[in-house]
Amino acid sequence: MKIQGLLLALAVFIVGCSPAENTSTDSQPAPAPAPAAAAVEAAPAAAAADDGIPRTPSGRPDFNGIWQALMNANDNLEPAPPKAAYHLVPGDFVPVPGPEVVAMGAVASVPASFGVVDGGTIPYKPEMIARRDENRENWLTRDPEIKCYMPGVPRANYQPHPFQIFQSESAFFIAYSFAGAVRNVFLEDPGPAPLDSWMGQSYGYWDGDTFVVEVTGIDDRTWFDRAGNFHSYELKVTERWTMMSENHLMYEATMEDPQVFEEPWTIRLPLYRRLEEGYELPQFKCVEFVEEMMYGKYRKGREDELGF
């Protein structure tokens, strides 16, 4: 009997120490977040952290760095075979390099162009093709690149020269090696460009992880490449900058110009980060390199030759 009494007392003690179900709503602890909900909340942050793309504190792709196109879109945006020179004159059987460039041999020759235009060809209006061909035939005197004029947009982004992007939460600035050209991308719509300029007016905004830049007010003297492809003052360029990995991005530009083209058209090409240790944006201020070509004829002592 004593043993049975002890067992009964022990059972009562254990039940008394067990946590009782609390039915009070006032003291009921807050339920833990459901695992599924927590995973959903963490998914975007985890995806951003795992995609290998550098990001700013706000989570936007970080484009800071020095970039360069590693292709010859600057020669011709459209697919094209190689040729002996940019400047050709009629020969006995085929066109040959002009006398101004013939001594440069292979250095002045033009490699084949892969082409970066969606659909392969630029949709010129029929009456504008003749002007493109005329530009091409007179490349030596008409291409603004030869005179070290600022290249305009989009050409500045695929010339064989690097450029540097400076990005913060409140600014987006691009400095180009060629001719010291720069672009300050407005992050709030500034309205219509007050006047045309070589690099135009840029207004940028985010579309997800893509930085979109609308460029207007571009001087109509700029060309798209060395093949004579041109535009009018009505040109509007819409750029899309998309980071694909830490060291390369995809660049797209859509051109709209109802005066010259039958419809909008788009180019697409990759840009790559310069990875050399300690690399800095080189300066290629070429104005002084073309002074003799452009103004040498006005040198003192040539008055009789020039007729003044």
Protein backbone atom coordinates (compact mmCIF):
# COMPACT_ATOMS: atom_id res chain seq x y z
CA MET A 1 0.00 0.00 0.00
CA LYS A 2 2.82 2.38 0.79
CA ILE A 3 4.31 1.74 -2.63
CA GLN A 4 0.99 2.40 -4.35
CA GLY A 5 0.65 5.63 -2.38
CA LEU A 6 4.09 6.76 -3.41
CA LEU A 7 3.37 6.04 -7.07
CA LEU A 8 0.11 7.98 -6.88
CA ALA A 9 1.84 10.97 -5.28
CA LEU A 10 4.58 10.89 -7.92
CA ALA A 11 2.02 10.90 -10.72
CA VAL A 12 0.22 13.89 -9.21
CA PHE A 13 3.54 15.75 -8.88
CA ILE A 14 4.47 15.14 -12.55
CA VAL A 15 1.08 16.31 -13.79
CA GLY A 16 1.34 19.41 -11.65
CA CYS A 17 4.71 20.32 -13.10
CA SER A 18 3.61 19.85 -16.72
CA PRO A 19 2.86 23.16 -18.60
CA ALA A 20 -0.86 23.72 -18.70
CA GLU A 21 -2.58 24.85 -21.88
CA ASN A 22 -3.02 28.58 -21.70
CA THR A 23 -6.32 29.72 -23.18
CA SER A 24 -5.85 33.39 -22.33
CA THR A 25 -5.63 35.60 -25.47
CA ASP A 26 -3.94 38.38 -23.50
CA SER A 27 -0.83 36.42 -22.67
CA GLN A 28 -0.68 34.26 -25.80
CA PRO A 29 2.74 34.76 -27.50
CA ALA A 30 2.87 36.02 -31.12
CA PRO A 31 3.06 33.12 -33.61
CA ALA A 32 6.38 32.58 -35.32
CA PRO A 33 6.45 33.56 -39.02
CA ALA A 34 5.54 30.75 -41.32
CA PRO A 35 8.62 29.23 -42.94
CA ALA A 36 7.14 29.69 -46.41
CA ALA A 37 6.43 33.39 -45.84
CA ALA A 38 9.91 34.00 -44.46
CA ALA A 39 11.43 32.30 -47.50
CA VAL A 40 9.41 34.49 -49.85
CA GLU A 41 10.55 37.66 -48.08
CA ALA A 42 14.19 36.58 -48.19
CA ALA A 43 14.12 35.42 -51.83
CA PRO A 44 14.74 38.82 -53.56
CA ALA A 45 17.66 39.67 -51.28
CA ALA A 46 19.13 36.21 -51.73
CA ALA A 47 18.75 36.40 -55.51
CA ALA A 48 20.47 39.80 -55.61
CA ALA A 49 23.29 38.47 -53.47
CA ASP A 50 23.77 35.33 -55.56
CA ASP A 51 23.58 36.73 -59.11
CA GLY A 52 27.22 37.82 -59.10
CA ILE A 53 26.35 41.39 -60.04
CA PRO A 54 27.92 44.21 -57.98
CA ARG A 55 25.25 46.38 -56.41
CA THR A 56 24.95 49.74 -54.68
CA PRO A 57 23.72 50.04 -51.08
CA SER A 58 20.20 50.54 -52.45
CA GLY A 59 20.38 47.26 -54.40
CA ARG A 60 20.78 48.74 -57.88
CA PRO A 61 23.40 47.27 -60.26
CA ASP A 62 26.70 49.07 -59.78
CA PHE A 63 28.14 50.20 -63.14
CA ASN A 64 31.14 52.01 -61.64
CA GLY A 65 34.28 51.19 -63.58
CA ILE A 66 36.07 51.48 -66.92
CA TRP A 67 34.43 49.76 -69.88
CA GLN A 68 35.21 49.15 -73.54
CA ALA A 69 33.72 47.48 -76.61
CA LEU A 70 35.91 44.67 -77.96
CA MET A 71 34.54 44.67 -81.49
CA ASN A 72 34.70 46.91 -84.55
CA ALA A 73 31.15 48.27 -84.65
CA ASN A 74 32.77 51.68 -85.14
CA ASP A 75 33.86 50.54 -88.63
CA ASN A 76 30.35 49.59 -89.71
CA LEU A 77 27.22 48.83 -87.69
CA GLU A 78 26.00 46.55 -90.47
CA PRO A 79 27.68 43.29 -91.57
CA ALA A 80 30.38 44.07 -94.14
CA PRO A 81 33.37 42.31 -95.75
CA PRO A 82 36.91 43.63 -95.32
CA LYS A 83 38.21 46.21 -97.76
CA ALA A 84 41.53 47.81 -98.66
CA ALA A 85 40.84 51.20 -97.02
CA TYR A 86 38.12 53.50 -95.79
CA HIS A 87 39.03 55.92 -98.56
CA LEU A 88 38.93 54.26 -101.97
CA VAL A 89 39.25 55.59 -105.52
CA PRO A 90 38.55 53.86 -108.84
CA GLY A 91 41.29 51.47 -109.99
CA ASP A 92 41.94 49.59 -113.21
CA PHE A 93 39.98 46.58 -112.03
CA VAL A 94 38.75 47.24 -108.48
CA PRO A 95 38.69 50.27 -106.15
CA VAL A 96 42.09 50.97 -104.60
CA PRO A 97 43.24 53.06 -101.60
CA GLY A 98 43.30 56.78 -102.27
CA PRO A 99 46.70 58.50 -102.61
CA GLU A 100 46.27 60.07 -99.17
CA VAL A 101 46.25 56.67 -97.42
CA VAL A 102 47.88 54.21 -99.81
CA ALA A 103 51.26 54.41 -98.04
CA MET A 104 49.67 53.10 -94.84
CA GLY A 105 49.11 49.68 -96.40
CA ALA A 106 47.39 47.15 -94.15
CA VAL A 107 47.23 49.63 -91.28
CA ALA A 108 44.63 51.63 -93.18
CA SER A 109 42.65 48.58 -94.31
CA VAL A 110 39.23 47.80 -92.86
CA PRO A 111 38.47 44.45 -91.17
CA ALA A 112 35.19 42.65 -91.67
CA SER A 113 32.26 43.79 -89.55
CA PHE A 114 30.11 41.21 -87.81
CA GLY A 115 27.19 43.61 -87.53
CA VAL A 116 25.24 44.68 -84.46
CA VAL A 117 21.95 45.85 -86.00
CA ASP A 118 18.87 43.79 -85.18
CA GLY A 119 17.71 42.40 -88.49
CA GLY A 120 21.07 43.12 -90.15
CA THR A 121 20.36 46.38 -91.98
CA ILE A 122 19.50 49.96 -91.05
CA PRO A 123 16.01 50.83 -92.38
CA TYR A 124 16.87 53.98 -94.33
CA LYS A 125 14.22 55.74 -96.35
CA PRO A 126 15.04 55.10 -100.03
CA GLU A 127 15.95 58.71 -100.70
CA MET A 128 18.43 58.70 -97.80
CA ILE A 129 20.54 55.78 -99.00
CA ALA A 130 22.24 57.95 -101.63
CA ARG A 131 23.44 60.34 -98.94
CA ARG A 132 24.79 57.44 -96.86
CA ASP A 133 26.72 56.22 -99.91
CA GLU A 134 28.00 59.73 -100.61
CA ASN A 135 29.24 60.01 -97.03
CA ARG A 136 31.01 56.68 -97.41
CA GLU A 137 32.76 57.75 -100.61
CA ASN A 138 33.89 61.00 -98.98
CA TRP A 139 34.84 59.48 -95.64
CA LEU A 140 38.22 61.23 -95.51
CA THR A 141 36.69 64.70 -95.48
CA ARG A 142 33.32 64.08 -93.83
CA ASP A 143 33.71 61.68 -90.92
CA PRO A 144 33.66 63.88 -87.78
CA GLU A 145 35.91 61.38 -85.98
CA ILE A 146 38.77 62.39 -88.28
CA LYS A 147 38.53 65.98 -87.08
CA CYS A 148 38.39 64.91 -83.42
CA TYR A 149 34.82 66.10 -82.98
CA MET A 150 32.99 64.52 -80.07
CA PRO A 151 31.50 61.24 -81.29
CA GLY A 152 27.91 61.58 -80.12
CA VAL A 153 25.62 58.80 -78.90
CA PRO A 154 25.65 55.87 -79.39
CA ARG A 155 29.01 55.94 -81.24
CA ALA A 156 30.98 57.01 -78.18
CA ASN A 157 30.19 53.68 -76.52
CA TYR A 158 31.73 51.42 -79.18
CA GLN A 159 34.69 53.43 -80.44
CA PRO A 160 38.03 51.63 -79.87
CA HIS A 161 38.57 53.73 -76.75
CA PRO A 162 37.54 53.06 -73.13
CA PHE A 163 35.14 55.11 -71.04
CA GLN A 164 34.46 55.35 -67.33
CA ILE A 165 31.13 55.36 -65.49
CA PHE A 166 30.79 57.21 -62.19
CA GLN A 167 27.59 56.20 -60.40
CA SER A 168 26.06 57.08 -57.04
CA GLU A 169 22.53 57.16 -55.64
CA SER A 170 22.14 60.72 -56.92
CA ALA A 171 24.33 60.89 -60.05
CA PHE A 172 25.33 59.01 -63.21
CA PHE A 173 28.26 60.42 -65.17
CA ILE A 174 30.23 59.02 -68.13
CA ALA A 175 33.71 60.20 -69.12
CA TYR A 176 35.10 59.12 -72.49
CA SER A 177 38.74 58.83 -73.47
CA PHE A 178 38.17 60.05 -77.04
CA ALA A 179 38.23 63.85 -77.35
CA GLY A 180 37.54 64.27 -73.62
CA ALA A 181 33.80 63.81 -74.23
CA VAL A 182 31.53 63.57 -71.18
CA ARG A 183 27.88 62.94 -70.39
CA ASN A 184 26.00 63.97 -67.27
CA VAL A 185 22.88 61.79 -67.16
CA PHE A 186 19.98 63.63 -65.52
CA LEU A 187 18.03 61.45 -63.10
CA GLU A 188 15.01 63.74 -63.25
CA ASP A 189 13.44 64.67 -66.57
CA PRO A 190 14.92 68.08 -67.54
CA GLY A 191 12.46 68.64 -70.37
CA PRO A 192 13.46 69.29 -73.98
CA ALA A 193 17.12 69.95 -74.72
CA PRO A 194 17.70 73.72 -74.88
CA LEU A 195 19.99 73.28 -77.91
CA ASP A 196 21.68 70.56 -79.93
CA SER A 197 25.16 69.44 -78.87
CA TRP A 198 27.69 66.80 -79.87
CA MET A 199 26.78 64.46 -76.98
CA GLY A 200 23.14 65.49 -76.68
CA GLN A 201 21.10 65.61 -73.47
CA SER A 202 20.70 62.41 -71.45
CA TYR A 203 17.88 61.51 -69.05
CA GLY A 204 18.10 58.20 -67.18
CA TYR A 205 15.79 56.04 -65.08
CA TRP A 206 15.60 52.44 -63.86
CA ASP A 207 13.52 49.68 -65.42
CA GLY A 208 14.10 46.87 -62.94
CA ASP A 209 17.84 46.15 -63.09
CA THR A 210 18.25 47.92 -66.45
CA PHE A 211 19.33 51.55 -66.61
CA VAL A 212 17.46 53.28 -69.42
CA VAL A 213 18.79 56.54 -70.89
CA GLU A 214 16.89 58.72 -73.38
CA VAL A 215 19.18 60.94 -75.44
CA THR A 216 17.89 63.89 -77.49
CA GLY A 217 19.29 67.13 -78.88
CA ILE A 218 22.17 65.38 -80.69
CA ASP A 219 24.05 67.47 -83.26
CA ASP A 220 23.22 66.09 -86.72
CA ARG A 221 26.90 66.28 -87.74
CA THR A 222 27.66 63.13 -85.72
CA TRP A 223 27.82 59.76 -87.49
CA PHE A 224 27.09 56.26 -86.24
CA ASP A 225 30.30 54.76 -87.66
CA ARG A 226 33.02 55.12 -90.31
CA ALA A 227 30.71 53.74 -93.00
CA GLY A 228 28.81 57.00 -93.46
CA ASN A 229 25.71 56.01 -91.49
CA PHE A 230 24.07 59.24 -90.37
CA HIS A 231 20.97 60.86 -88.86
CA SER A 232 19.14 64.18 -88.67
CA TYR A 233 18.55 66.60 -85.81
CA GLU A 234 15.36 64.67 -84.98
CA LEU A 235 17.29 61.64 -83.73
CA LYS A 236 16.24 60.18 -80.38
CA VAL A 237 18.37 57.40 -78.89
CA THR A 238 17.04 55.15 -76.12
CA GLU A 239 19.86 53.24 -74.44
CA ARG A 240 19.46 50.19 -72.21
CA TRP A 241 22.39 49.29 -69.95
CA THR A 242 22.04 45.82 -68.39
CA MET A 243 24.66 44.23 -66.14
CA MET A 244 25.12 40.59 -67.14
CA SER A 245 27.95 39.68 -64.76
CA GLU A 246 30.55 41.43 -62.66
CA ASN A 247 32.73 42.21 -65.66
CA HIS A 248 30.43 42.52 -68.67
CA LEU A 249 27.21 44.27 -69.56
CA MET A 250 24.85 44.32 -72.51
CA TYR A 251 24.40 47.63 -74.29
CA GLU A 252 21.37 48.32 -76.48
CA ALA A 253 20.42 51.49 -78.31
CA THR A 254 17.24 52.13 -80.26
CA MET A 255 17.30 54.92 -82.85
CA GLU A 256 14.22 56.90 -83.86
CA ASP A 257 14.48 59.50 -86.63
CA PRO A 258 11.40 59.83 -88.86
CA GLN A 259 13.26 62.15 -91.22
CA VAL A 260 15.89 59.54 -92.14
CA PHE A 261 14.60 56.07 -91.20
CA GLU A 262 11.44 54.21 -92.09
CA GLU A 263 11.13 52.78 -88.58
CA PRO A 264 13.03 52.60 -85.28
CA TRP A 265 16.01 50.22 -85.24
CA THR A 266 18.20 48.75 -82.53
CA ILE A 267 21.84 47.81 -82.04
CA ARG A 268 23.02 45.37 -79.38
CA LEU A 269 26.58 44.60 -78.25
CA PRO A 270 28.50 43.58 -75.12
CA LEU A 271 30.82 45.89 -73.20
CA TYR A 272 33.62 44.61 -71.00
CA ARG A 273 35.31 45.89 -67.85
CA ARG A 274 39.03 46.77 -68.09
CA LEU A 275 40.70 44.53 -65.52
CA GLU A 276 44.35 45.59 -65.70
CA GLU A 277 45.72 46.26 -62.23
CA GLY A 278 45.89 49.99 -61.56
CA TYR A 279 44.28 50.84 -64.91
CA GLU A 280 43.10 54.44 -65.27
CA LEU A 281 41.08 56.08 -68.02
CA PRO A 282 43.63 57.35 -70.57
CA GLN A 283 43.23 60.81 -72.02
CA PHE A 284 43.00 61.02 -75.80
CA LYS A 285 42.58 64.74 -76.34
CA CYS A 286 43.13 64.60 -80.07
CA VAL A 287 42.44 68.24 -81.00
CA GLU A 288 46.13 69.06 -81.09
CA PHE A 289 46.74 66.04 -83.34
CA VAL A 290 44.51 67.40 -86.11
CA GLU A 291 45.47 71.07 -86.00
CA GLU A 292 47.91 70.73 -88.89
CA MET A 293 45.37 68.90 -91.02
CA MET A 294 42.61 71.43 -90.37
CA TYR A 295 44.48 74.72 -89.99
CA GLY A 296 48.00 74.19 -91.36
CA LYS A 297 47.06 75.84 -94.63
CA TYR A 298 46.61 79.11 -92.77
CA ARG A 299 50.19 79.14 -91.47
CA LYS A 300 52.07 82.40 -91.96
CA GLY A 301 53.96 82.51 -95.23
CA ARG A 302 51.26 80.81 -97.31
CA GLU A 303 49.28 83.97 -98.06
CA ASP A 304 50.08 83.95 -101.78
CA GLU A 305 49.19 80.27 -102.07
CA LEU A 306 45.84 80.85 -100.40
CA GLY A 307 45.09 84.09 -102.20
CA PHE A 308 44.97 86.52 -99.30
